[in-house]
Amino acid sequence: MLSSLTGSTDNFAQSLNLLVSASFFLVGALFTIPEPLSIALSIAPGHFLGANHEA
């Protein structure tokens, strides 16, 4: 019982660590490439709306 409990907490800690590092990576990516991202965000909706309007 105790070994399975520690195993589950270890697994939880591992997944939590992965989640934290992934979120830090995403935040870092957002701050390092804000220009292309903002350009893409400004172009994409208009592009999709334009394509939708044409069809």
PDB file of N, CA and C in Angstrom:
ATOM      1  N   MET A   1       0.837  -1.200   0.000  1.00  0.00           N
ATOM      2  CA  MET A   1       0.000   0.000   0.000  1.00  0.00           C
ATOM      3  C   MET A   1       0.874   1.254   0.000  1.00  0.00           C
ATOM      4  N   LEU A   2       1.880   1.281   0.875  1.00  0.00           N
ATOM      5  CA  LEU A   2       2.727   2.460   0.986  1.00  0.00           C
ATOM      6  C   LEU A   2       3.553   2.670  -0.294  1.00  0.00           C
ATOM      7  N   SER A   3       4.038   1.556  -0.876  1.00  0.00           N
ATOM      8  CA  SER A   3       4.865   1.691  -2.072  1.00  0.00           C
ATOM      9  C   SER A   3       4.028   2.214  -3.251  1.00  0.00           C
ATOM     10  N   SER A   4       2.778   1.747  -3.346  1.00  0.00           N
ATOM     11  CA  SER A   4       1.920   2.219  -4.437  1.00  0.00           C
ATOM     12  C   SER A   4       1.569   3.698  -4.234  1.00  0.00           C
ATOM     13  N   LEU A   5       1.426   4.107  -2.978  1.00  0.00           N
ATOM     14  CA  LEU A   5       1.109   5.501  -2.662  1.00  0.00           C
ATOM     15  C   LEU A   5       2.280   6.411  -3.031  1.00  0.00           C
ATOM     16  N   THR A   6       3.486   6.023  -2.658  1.00  0.00           N
ATOM     17  CA  THR A   6       4.656   6.832  -2.990  1.00  0.00           C
ATOM     18  C   THR A   6       4.887   6.840  -4.490  1.00  0.00           C
ATOM     19  N   GLY A   7       4.563   5.724  -5.149  1.00  0.00           N
ATOM     20  CA  GLY A   7       4.710   5.662  -6.593  1.00  0.00           C
ATOM     21  C   GLY A   7       3.774   6.632  -7.285  1.00  0.00           C
ATOM     22  N   SER A   8       2.543   6.726  -6.774  1.00  0.00           N
ATOM     23  CA  SER A   8       1.575   7.632  -7.387  1.00  0.00           C
ATOM     24  C   SER A   8       1.961   9.092  -7.141  1.00  0.00           C
ATOM     25  N   THR A   9       2.469   9.390  -5.948  1.00  0.00           N
ATOM     26  CA  THR A   9       2.884  10.764  -5.670  1.00  0.00           C
ATOM     27  C   THR A   9       4.093  11.123  -6.517  1.00  0.00           C
ATOM     28  N   ASP A  10       4.997  10.161  -6.735  1.00  0.00           N
ATOM     29  CA  ASP A  10       6.168  10.398  -7.566  1.00  0.00           C
ATOM     30  C   ASP A  10       5.735  10.674  -9.001  1.00  0.00           C
ATOM     31  N   ASN A  11       4.750   9.901  -9.478  1.00  0.00           N
ATOM     32  CA  ASN A  11       4.222  10.079 -10.820  1.00  0.00           C
ATOM     33  C   ASN A  11       3.563  11.444 -10.945  1.00  0.00           C
ATOM     34  N   PHE A  12       2.829  11.828  -9.907  1.00  0.00           N
ATOM     35  CA  PHE A  12       2.164  13.131  -9.885  1.00  0.00           C
ATOM     36  C   PHE A  12       3.186  14.265  -9.928  1.00  0.00           C
ATOM     37  N   ALA A  13       4.248  14.118  -9.141  1.00  0.00           N
ATOM     38  CA  ALA A  13       5.303  15.135  -9.104  1.00  0.00           C
ATOM     39  C   ALA A  13       5.984  15.236 -10.463  1.00  0.00           C
ATOM     40  N   GLN A  14       6.167  14.098 -11.125  1.00  0.00           N
ATOM     41  CA  GLN A  14       6.813  14.086 -12.430  1.00  0.00           C
ATOM     42  C   GLN A  14       5.947  14.792 -13.462  1.00  0.00           C
ATOM     43  N   SER A  15       4.647  14.508 -13.452  1.00  0.00           N
ATOM     44  CA  SER A  15       3.748  15.141 -14.417  1.00  0.00           C
ATOM     45  C   SER A  15       3.597  16.631 -14.116  1.00  0.00           C
ATOM     46  N   LEU A  16       3.611  16.992 -12.828  1.00  0.00           N
ATOM     47  CA  LEU A  16       3.524  18.395 -12.441  1.00  0.00           C
ATOM     48  C   LEU A  16       4.772  19.150 -12.914  1.00  0.00           C
ATOM     49  N   ASN A  17       5.929  18.504 -12.748  1.00  0.00           N
ATOM     50  CA  ASN A  17       7.189  19.095 -13.195  1.00  0.00           C
ATOM     51  C   ASN A  17       7.165  19.301 -14.711  1.00  0.00           C
ATOM     52  N   LEU A  18       6.636  18.313 -15.440  1.00  0.00           N
ATOM     53  CA  LEU A  18       6.541  18.399 -16.891  1.00  0.00           C
ATOM     54  C   LEU A  18       5.615  19.543 -17.298  1.00  0.00           C
ATOM     55  N   LEU A  19       4.498  19.664 -16.586  1.00  0.00           N
ATOM     56  CA  LEU A  19       3.528  20.721 -16.869  1.00  0.00           C
ATOM     57  C   LEU A  19       4.141  22.100 -16.638  1.00  0.00           C
ATOM     58  N   VAL A  20       4.864  22.238 -15.531  1.00  0.00           N
ATOM     59  CA  VAL A  20       5.500  23.521 -15.204  1.00  0.00           C
ATOM     60  C   VAL A  20       6.558  23.889 -16.242  1.00  0.00           C
ATOM     61  N   SER A  21       7.394  22.920 -16.608  1.00  0.00           N
ATOM     62  CA  SER A  21       8.437  23.210 -17.591  1.00  0.00           C
ATOM     63  C   SER A  21       7.830  23.523 -18.960  1.00  0.00           C
ATOM     64  N   ALA A  22       6.733  22.848 -19.295  1.00  0.00           N
ATOM     65  CA  ALA A  22       6.062  23.115 -20.565  1.00  0.00           C
ATOM     66  C   ALA A  22       5.466  24.519 -20.583  1.00  0.00           C
ATOM     67  N   SER A  23       4.858  24.926 -19.462  1.00  0.00           N
ATOM     68  CA  SER A  23       4.271  26.269 -19.401  1.00  0.00           C
ATOM     69  C   SER A  23       5.367  27.338 -19.441  1.00  0.00           C
ATOM     70  N   PHE A  24       6.502  27.077 -18.782  1.00  0.00           N
ATOM     71  CA  PHE A  24       7.612  28.026 -18.834  1.00  0.00           C
ATOM     72  C   PHE A  24       8.159  28.136 -20.252  1.00  0.00           C
ATOM     73  N   PHE A  25       8.220  26.993 -20.949  1.00  0.00           N
ATOM     74  CA  PHE A  25       8.687  26.988 -22.331  1.00  0.00           C
ATOM     75  C   PHE A  25       7.754  27.810 -23.217  1.00  0.00           C
ATOM     76  N   LEU A  26       6.437  27.628 -23.009  1.00  0.00           N
ATOM     77  CA  LEU A  26       5.452  28.368 -23.787  1.00  0.00           C
ATOM     78  C   LEU A  26       5.542  29.870 -23.520  1.00  0.00           C
ATOM     79  N   VAL A  27       5.677  30.229 -22.257  1.00  0.00           N
ATOM     80  CA  VAL A  27       5.796  31.645 -21.898  1.00  0.00           C
ATOM     81  C   VAL A  27       7.071  32.237 -22.494  1.00  0.00           C
ATOM     82  N   GLY A  28       8.151  31.474 -22.417  1.00  0.00           N
ATOM     83  CA  GLY A  28       9.413  31.934 -22.998  1.00  0.00           C
ATOM     84  C   GLY A  28       9.297  32.113 -24.504  1.00  0.00           C
ATOM     85  N   ALA A  29       8.611  31.187 -25.153  1.00  0.00           N
ATOM     86  CA  ALA A  29       8.420  31.275 -26.596  1.00  0.00           C
ATOM     87  C   ALA A  29       7.563  32.492 -26.953  1.00  0.00           C
ATOM     88  N   LEU A  30       6.548  32.758 -26.125  1.00  0.00           N
ATOM     89  CA  LEU A  30       5.690  33.919 -26.367  1.00  0.00           C
ATOM     90  C   LEU A  30       6.468  35.221 -26.248  1.00  0.00           C
ATOM     91  N   PHE A  31       7.409  35.267 -25.296  1.00  0.00           N
ATOM     92  CA  PHE A  31       8.161  36.499 -25.103  1.00  0.00           C
ATOM     93  C   PHE A  31       9.317  36.640 -26.088  1.00  0.00           C
ATOM     94  N   THR A  32       9.834  35.524 -26.595  1.00  0.00           N
ATOM     95  CA  THR A  32      10.961  35.627 -27.520  1.00  0.00           C
ATOM     96  C   THR A  32      10.500  35.886 -28.952  1.00  0.00           C
ATOM     97  N   ILE A  33       9.310  35.383 -29.324  1.00  0.00           N
ATOM     98  CA  ILE A  33       8.821  35.614 -30.681  1.00  0.00           C
ATOM     99  C   ILE A  33       7.462  36.306 -30.695  1.00  0.00           C
ATOM    100  N   PRO A  34       7.332  37.465 -30.046  1.00  0.00           N
ATOM    101  CA  PRO A  34       6.022  38.127 -30.042  1.00  0.00           C
ATOM    102  C   PRO A  34       5.686  38.746 -31.394  1.00  0.00           C
ATOM    103  N   GLU A  35       6.713  39.168 -32.121  1.00  0.00           N
ATOM    104  CA  GLU A  35       6.467  39.834 -33.397  1.00  0.00           C
ATOM    105  C   GLU A  35       5.855  38.911 -34.444  1.00  0.00           C
ATOM    106  N   PRO A  36       6.489  37.772 -34.788  1.00  0.00           N
ATOM    107  CA  PRO A  36       5.871  36.863 -35.774  1.00  0.00           C
ATOM    108  C   PRO A  36       4.521  36.344 -35.294  1.00  0.00           C
ATOM    109  N   LEU A  37       4.413  36.131 -33.975  1.00  0.00           N
ATOM    110  CA  LEU A  37       3.169  35.612 -33.417  1.00  0.00           C
ATOM    111  C   LEU A  37       2.046  36.627 -33.571  1.00  0.00           C
ATOM    112  N   SER A  38       2.330  37.891 -33.265  1.00  0.00           N
ATOM    113  CA  SER A  38       1.302  38.925 -33.387  1.00  0.00           C
ATOM    114  C   SER A  38       0.934  39.140 -34.853  1.00  0.00           C
ATOM    115  N   ILE A  39       1.934  39.048 -35.729  1.00  0.00           N
ATOM    116  CA  ILE A  39       1.667  39.182 -37.166  1.00  0.00           C
ATOM    117  C   ILE A  39       0.761  38.046 -37.630  1.00  0.00           C
ATOM    118  N   ALA A  40       1.090  36.829 -37.207  1.00  0.00           N
ATOM    119  CA  ALA A  40       0.283  35.668 -37.574  1.00  0.00           C
ATOM    120  C   ALA A  40      -1.129  35.785 -37.012  1.00  0.00           C
ATOM    121  N   LEU A  41      -1.223  36.272 -35.768  1.00  0.00           N
ATOM    122  CA  LEU A  41      -2.541  36.420 -35.142  1.00  0.00           C
ATOM    123  C   LEU A  41      -3.367  37.497 -35.835  1.00  0.00           C
ATOM    124  N   SER A  42      -2.698  38.516 -36.365  1.00  0.00           N
ATOM    125  CA  SER A  42      -3.442  39.580 -37.050  1.00  0.00           C
ATOM    126  C   SER A  42      -3.811  39.153 -38.468  1.00  0.00           C
ATOM    127  N   ILE A  43      -2.966  38.345 -39.107  1.00  0.00           N
ATOM    128  CA  ILE A  43      -3.223  37.906 -40.484  1.00  0.00           C
ATOM    129  C   ILE A  43      -4.236  36.763 -40.532  1.00  0.00           C
ATOM    130  N   ALA A  44      -4.048  35.763 -39.658  1.00  0.00           N
ATOM    131  CA  ALA A  44      -4.865  34.546 -39.712  1.00  0.00           C
ATOM    132  C   ALA A  44      -6.379  34.797 -39.669  1.00  0.00           C
ATOM    133  N   PRO A  45      -6.903  35.577 -38.707  1.00  0.00           N
ATOM    134  CA  PRO A  45      -8.365  35.783 -38.687  1.00  0.00           C
ATOM    135  C   PRO A  45      -8.871  36.452 -39.962  1.00  0.00           C
ATOM    136  N   GLY A  46      -8.159  37.459 -40.436  1.00  0.00           N
ATOM    137  CA  GLY A  46      -8.555  38.139 -41.661  1.00  0.00           C
ATOM    138  C   GLY A  46      -8.499  37.209 -42.860  1.00  0.00           C
ATOM    139  N   HIS A  47      -7.474  36.364 -42.880  1.00  0.00           N
ATOM    140  CA  HIS A  47      -7.324  35.408 -43.980  1.00  0.00           C
ATOM    141  C   HIS A  47      -8.481  34.423 -43.993  1.00  0.00           C
ATOM    142  N   PHE A  48      -8.799  33.905 -42.798  1.00  0.00           N
ATOM    143  CA  PHE A  48      -9.897  32.938 -42.707  1.00  0.00           C
ATOM    144  C   PHE A  48     -11.234  33.602 -43.017  1.00  0.00           C
ATOM    145  N   LEU A  49     -11.412  34.826 -42.555  1.00  0.00           N
ATOM    146  CA  LEU A  49     -12.651  35.550 -42.840  1.00  0.00           C
ATOM    147  C   LEU A  49     -12.758  35.840 -44.327  1.00  0.00           C
ATOM    148  N   GLY A  50     -11.632  36.216 -44.932  1.00  0.00           N
ATOM    149  CA  GLY A  50     -11.625  36.494 -46.361  1.00  0.00           C
ATOM    150  C   GLY A  50     -11.939  35.249 -47.173  1.00  0.00           C
ATOM    151  N   ALA A  51     -11.326  34.135 -46.813  1.00  0.00           N
ATOM    152  CA  ALA A  51     -11.573  32.880 -47.516  1.00  0.00           C
ATOM    153  C   ALA A  51     -13.019  32.446 -47.328  1.00  0.00           C
ATOM    154  N   ASN A  52     -13.536  32.661 -46.118  1.00  0.00           N
ATOM    155  CA  ASN A  52     -14.914  32.307 -45.816  1.00  0.00           C
ATOM    156  C   ASN A  52     -15.870  33.189 -46.620  1.00  0.00           C
ATOM    157  N   HIS A  53     -15.512  34.443 -46.769  1.00  0.00           N
ATOM    158  CA  HIS A  53     -16.360  35.392 -47.481  1.00  0.00           C
ATOM    159  C   HIS A  53     -16.393  35.072 -48.978  1.00  0.00           C
ATOM    160  N   GLU A  54     -15.224  34.659 -49.498  1.00  0.00           N
ATOM    161  CA  GLU A  54     -15.145  34.324 -50.927  1.00  0.00           C
ATOM    162  C   GLU A  54     -16.006  33.110 -51.259  1.00  0.00           C
ATOM    163  N   ALA A  55     -15.950  32.103 -50.374  1.00  0.00           N
ATOM    164  CA  ALA A  55     -16.673  30.853 -50.622  1.00  0.00           C
ATOM    165  C   ALA A  55     -18.157  30.994 -50.313  1.00  0.00           C
TER     166      ALA A  55
END
